[in-house]
């Protein structure tokens, strides 16, 4: 069984953070278990190759205001997907 090092867990103070512009977040697909980590940025900073998605995308807009443990439903191009917010790191 793999147990991540303590630094891999969000701290108690991180539980208070909500997703906003420049937040670095990790979400997990509720159905597949696949995890994704990225930053939500203003549209002019969009850079998919460096895991930066725009606040104006449907996923970015859906995540704004959510916090640790929240589950969102997102209509992806291929199908309906459900994600749980795993971590939210302070906006820089």
N, C-alpha and C. Protein backbone atom coordinates (compact mmCIF):
# COMPACT_ATOMS: atom_id res chain seq x y z
N UNK A 1 0.84 -1.18 0.00
CA UNK A 1 0.00 0.00 0.00
C UNK A 1 0.89 1.24 0.00
N UNK A 2 0.59 2.17 -0.89
CA UNK A 2 1.35 3.41 -0.98
C UNK A 2 0.72 4.46 -0.07
N UNK A 3 1.52 5.02 0.82
CA UNK A 3 1.08 6.13 1.65
C UNK A 3 1.92 7.34 1.29
N UNK A 4 1.30 8.39 0.77
CA UNK A 4 2.07 9.57 0.40
C UNK A 4 2.72 10.19 1.62
N UNK A 5 3.83 10.87 1.38
CA UNK A 5 4.49 11.59 2.46
C UNK A 5 3.55 12.68 2.95
N UNK A 6 3.78 13.12 4.18
CA UNK A 6 2.91 14.12 4.79
C UNK A 6 2.76 15.36 3.92
N UNK A 7 3.81 15.75 3.20
CA UNK A 7 3.74 16.95 2.37
C UNK A 7 2.73 16.81 1.24
N UNK A 8 2.34 15.57 0.90
CA UNK A 8 1.37 15.35 -0.17
C UNK A 8 -0.07 15.62 0.28
N UNK A 9 -0.29 15.68 1.57
CA UNK A 9 -1.64 15.93 2.08
C UNK A 9 -1.87 17.42 2.24
N UNK A 10 -3.06 17.91 1.93
CA UNK A 10 -3.35 19.31 2.18
C UNK A 10 -3.34 19.57 3.68
N UNK A 11 -2.87 20.72 4.09
CA UNK A 11 -2.88 21.06 5.51
C UNK A 11 -4.28 21.47 5.92
N UNK A 12 -4.51 21.53 7.22
CA UNK A 12 -5.82 21.93 7.71
C UNK A 12 -6.19 23.32 7.22
N UNK A 13 -5.22 24.20 7.09
CA UNK A 13 -5.53 25.56 6.64
C UNK A 13 -5.95 25.55 5.18
N UNK A 14 -5.48 24.60 4.40
CA UNK A 14 -5.86 24.55 2.99
C UNK A 14 -7.33 24.19 2.83
N UNK A 15 -7.94 23.56 3.82
CA UNK A 15 -9.35 23.20 3.73
C UNK A 15 -10.23 24.45 3.64
N UNK A 16 -9.70 25.57 4.08
CA UNK A 16 -10.47 26.80 4.07
C UNK A 16 -10.45 27.48 2.70
N UNK A 17 -9.55 27.10 1.84
CA UNK A 17 -9.41 27.78 0.56
C UNK A 17 -10.48 27.35 -0.42
N UNK A 18 -10.93 28.31 -1.20
CA UNK A 18 -11.85 28.01 -2.28
C UNK A 18 -11.14 28.25 -3.59
N UNK A 19 -11.62 27.61 -4.63
CA UNK A 19 -11.02 27.75 -5.95
C UNK A 19 -11.30 29.16 -6.47
N UNK A 20 -10.25 29.83 -6.89
CA UNK A 20 -10.36 31.15 -7.50
C UNK A 20 -9.26 31.30 -8.52
N UNK A 21 -9.21 32.43 -9.19
CA UNK A 21 -8.18 32.66 -10.21
C UNK A 21 -6.81 32.46 -9.58
N UNK A 22 -5.95 31.75 -10.27
CA UNK A 22 -4.58 31.42 -9.89
C UNK A 22 -4.47 30.35 -8.81
N UNK A 23 -5.57 29.69 -8.48
CA UNK A 23 -5.51 28.56 -7.55
C UNK A 23 -4.93 27.36 -8.27
N UNK A 24 -4.13 26.59 -7.56
CA UNK A 24 -3.65 25.31 -8.07
C UNK A 24 -4.51 24.26 -7.40
N UNK A 25 -5.15 23.42 -8.20
CA UNK A 25 -6.07 22.45 -7.63
C UNK A 25 -5.81 21.05 -8.17
N UNK A 26 -6.30 20.09 -7.42
CA UNK A 26 -6.28 18.70 -7.86
C UNK A 26 -7.72 18.21 -7.77
N UNK A 27 -8.21 17.63 -8.86
CA UNK A 27 -9.54 17.03 -8.87
C UNK A 27 -9.42 15.56 -9.26
N UNK A 28 -10.35 14.76 -8.76
CA UNK A 28 -10.34 13.33 -9.07
C UNK A 28 -11.67 12.96 -9.70
N UNK A 29 -11.60 12.24 -10.80
CA UNK A 29 -12.80 11.73 -11.47
C UNK A 29 -13.45 10.71 -10.53
N UNK A 30 -14.68 10.97 -10.13
CA UNK A 30 -15.38 10.12 -9.17
C UNK A 30 -15.57 8.70 -9.71
N UNK A 31 -15.75 8.57 -11.01
CA UNK A 31 -16.02 7.26 -11.59
C UNK A 31 -14.77 6.46 -11.92
N UNK A 32 -13.75 7.12 -12.49
CA UNK A 32 -12.55 6.39 -12.91
C UNK A 32 -11.41 6.44 -11.89
N UNK A 33 -11.45 7.43 -10.99
CA UNK A 33 -10.37 7.57 -10.01
C UNK A 33 -9.18 8.36 -10.55
N UNK A 34 -9.22 8.74 -11.82
CA UNK A 34 -8.12 9.49 -12.42
C UNK A 34 -8.06 10.90 -11.81
N UNK A 35 -6.84 11.35 -11.51
CA UNK A 35 -6.65 12.66 -10.89
C UNK A 35 -5.98 13.62 -11.86
N UNK A 36 -6.33 14.89 -11.74
CA UNK A 36 -5.79 15.95 -12.58
C UNK A 36 -5.39 17.12 -11.70
N UNK A 37 -4.22 17.67 -11.95
CA UNK A 37 -3.75 18.85 -11.22
C UNK A 37 -3.47 19.95 -12.22
N UNK A 38 -3.95 21.15 -11.92
CA UNK A 38 -3.76 22.28 -12.83
C UNK A 38 -4.03 23.58 -12.10
N UNK A 39 -3.72 24.69 -12.76
CA UNK A 39 -4.02 26.02 -12.24
C UNK A 39 -5.16 26.61 -13.05
N UNK A 40 -6.01 27.38 -12.38
CA UNK A 40 -7.06 28.13 -13.07
C UNK A 40 -6.57 29.56 -13.19
N UNK A 41 -6.48 30.05 -14.42
CA UNK A 41 -5.84 31.33 -14.70
C UNK A 41 -6.76 32.25 -15.51
N UNK A 42 -6.40 33.56 -15.57
CA UNK A 42 -7.14 34.46 -16.46
C UNK A 42 -6.97 33.98 -17.91
N UNK A 43 -7.90 34.34 -18.79
CA UNK A 43 -7.87 33.84 -20.17
C UNK A 43 -6.55 34.13 -20.90
N UNK A 44 -5.94 35.26 -20.63
CA UNK A 44 -4.70 35.61 -21.33
C UNK A 44 -3.51 34.76 -20.90
N UNK A 45 -3.65 33.99 -19.80
CA UNK A 45 -2.56 33.13 -19.33
C UNK A 45 -2.79 31.65 -19.65
N UNK A 46 -3.84 31.35 -20.41
CA UNK A 46 -4.15 29.99 -20.80
C UNK A 46 -2.91 29.33 -21.42
N UNK A 47 -2.57 28.13 -20.93
CA UNK A 47 -1.41 27.40 -21.42
C UNK A 47 -1.62 25.92 -21.09
N UNK A 48 -2.35 25.24 -21.93
CA UNK A 48 -2.71 23.85 -21.67
C UNK A 48 -1.50 22.95 -21.50
N UNK A 49 -0.42 23.22 -22.24
CA UNK A 49 0.78 22.39 -22.13
C UNK A 49 1.42 22.47 -20.75
N UNK A 50 1.18 23.56 -20.03
CA UNK A 50 1.72 23.74 -18.69
C UNK A 50 0.62 23.67 -17.63
N UNK A 51 -0.45 22.96 -17.94
CA UNK A 51 -1.55 22.70 -17.01
C UNK A 51 -2.18 23.97 -16.45
N UNK A 52 -2.42 24.94 -17.33
CA UNK A 52 -3.11 26.17 -16.94
C UNK A 52 -4.37 26.29 -17.78
N UNK A 53 -5.54 26.23 -17.11
CA UNK A 53 -6.80 26.35 -17.84
C UNK A 53 -7.46 27.68 -17.50
N UNK A 54 -8.16 28.22 -18.46
CA UNK A 54 -8.79 29.53 -18.30
C UNK A 54 -10.02 29.45 -17.40
N UNK A 55 -10.22 30.49 -16.65
CA UNK A 55 -11.41 30.64 -15.83
C UNK A 55 -12.66 30.69 -16.70
N UNK A 56 -12.49 31.03 -17.98
CA UNK A 56 -13.64 31.15 -18.89
C UNK A 56 -14.03 29.83 -19.55
N UNK A 57 -13.23 28.76 -19.36
CA UNK A 57 -13.64 27.46 -19.89
C UNK A 57 -14.80 26.94 -19.04
N UNK A 58 -15.54 25.99 -19.58
CA UNK A 58 -16.67 25.46 -18.81
C UNK A 58 -16.20 24.78 -17.52
N UNK A 59 -15.07 24.06 -17.56
CA UNK A 59 -14.56 23.41 -16.36
C UNK A 59 -14.06 24.46 -15.37
N UNK A 60 -13.31 25.43 -15.84
CA UNK A 60 -12.80 26.49 -14.96
C UNK A 60 -13.93 27.23 -14.27
N UNK A 61 -14.94 27.61 -15.03
CA UNK A 61 -16.07 28.34 -14.46
C UNK A 61 -16.84 27.49 -13.46
N UNK A 62 -16.96 26.20 -13.72
CA UNK A 62 -17.68 25.30 -12.81
C UNK A 62 -16.94 25.15 -11.48
N UNK A 63 -15.61 25.20 -11.51
CA UNK A 63 -14.83 24.99 -10.30
C UNK A 63 -14.71 26.23 -9.41
N UNK A 64 -14.90 27.41 -9.96
CA UNK A 64 -14.75 28.63 -9.17
C UNK A 64 -15.71 28.60 -7.97
N UNK A 65 -15.16 28.89 -6.80
CA UNK A 65 -15.96 28.92 -5.58
C UNK A 65 -16.07 27.59 -4.85
N UNK A 66 -15.59 26.52 -5.46
CA UNK A 66 -15.65 25.21 -4.82
C UNK A 66 -14.48 25.06 -3.85
N UNK A 67 -14.60 24.10 -2.92
CA UNK A 67 -13.53 23.87 -1.96
C UNK A 67 -13.33 22.37 -1.75
N UNK A 68 -12.37 22.03 -0.92
CA UNK A 68 -11.98 20.65 -0.67
C UNK A 68 -13.20 19.78 -0.36
N UNK A 69 -13.31 18.67 -1.08
CA UNK A 69 -14.39 17.71 -0.87
C UNK A 69 -15.63 17.95 -1.71
N UNK A 70 -15.76 19.13 -2.31
CA UNK A 70 -16.92 19.40 -3.16
C UNK A 70 -16.88 18.52 -4.40
N UNK A 71 -18.05 18.08 -4.85
CA UNK A 71 -18.17 17.29 -6.08
C UNK A 71 -18.91 18.14 -7.09
N UNK A 72 -18.34 18.23 -8.29
CA UNK A 72 -18.97 18.98 -9.38
C UNK A 72 -19.36 18.04 -10.50
N UNK A 73 -20.34 18.44 -11.26
CA UNK A 73 -20.73 17.72 -12.47
C UNK A 73 -20.38 18.62 -13.64
N UNK A 74 -19.63 18.09 -14.58
CA UNK A 74 -19.16 18.87 -15.73
C UNK A 74 -19.56 18.15 -17.01
N UNK A 75 -20.13 18.88 -17.94
CA UNK A 75 -20.51 18.30 -19.23
C UNK A 75 -19.31 18.42 -20.16
N UNK A 76 -18.55 17.34 -20.26
CA UNK A 76 -17.38 17.28 -21.14
C UNK A 76 -17.86 17.04 -22.56
N UNK A 77 -16.99 17.30 -23.56
CA UNK A 77 -17.40 17.06 -24.95
C UNK A 77 -17.86 15.62 -25.20
N UNK A 78 -17.26 14.67 -24.50
CA UNK A 78 -17.60 13.27 -24.76
C UNK A 78 -18.70 12.70 -23.87
N UNK A 79 -18.82 13.23 -22.64
CA UNK A 79 -19.80 12.67 -21.70
C UNK A 79 -19.88 13.52 -20.44
N UNK A 80 -20.84 13.20 -19.61
CA UNK A 80 -21.00 13.84 -18.31
C UNK A 80 -19.94 13.28 -17.37
N UNK A 81 -19.24 14.16 -16.66
CA UNK A 81 -18.20 13.71 -15.73
C UNK A 81 -18.42 14.33 -14.37
N UNK A 82 -18.03 13.57 -13.33
CA UNK A 82 -18.12 14.06 -11.96
C UNK A 82 -16.72 14.08 -11.36
N UNK A 83 -16.38 15.20 -10.74
CA UNK A 83 -15.06 15.37 -10.14
C UNK A 83 -15.20 15.80 -8.68
N UNK A 84 -14.32 15.27 -7.84
CA UNK A 84 -14.23 15.72 -6.45
C UNK A 84 -12.98 16.57 -6.31
N UNK A 85 -13.11 17.70 -5.64
CA UNK A 85 -11.96 18.57 -5.39
C UNK A 85 -11.12 17.91 -4.30
N UNK A 86 -9.88 17.54 -4.64
CA UNK A 86 -8.97 16.85 -3.72
C UNK A 86 -8.09 17.82 -2.93
N UNK A 87 -7.68 18.91 -3.58
CA UNK A 87 -6.86 19.90 -2.88
C UNK A 87 -6.99 21.24 -3.59
N UNK A 88 -6.85 22.29 -2.80
CA UNK A 88 -6.87 23.65 -3.31
C UNK A 88 -5.71 24.37 -2.64
N UNK A 89 -4.79 24.87 -3.45
CA UNK A 89 -3.65 25.57 -2.91
C UNK A 89 -3.82 27.05 -3.11
N UNK A 90 -3.36 27.80 -2.14
CA UNK A 90 -3.49 29.25 -2.12
C UNK A 90 -3.12 29.88 -3.45
N UNK A 91 -3.95 30.81 -3.88
CA UNK A 91 -3.67 31.57 -5.11
C UNK A 91 -2.40 32.36 -4.90
N UNK A 92 -1.62 32.47 -5.99
CA UNK A 92 -0.36 33.21 -5.91
C UNK A 92 -0.52 34.61 -6.44
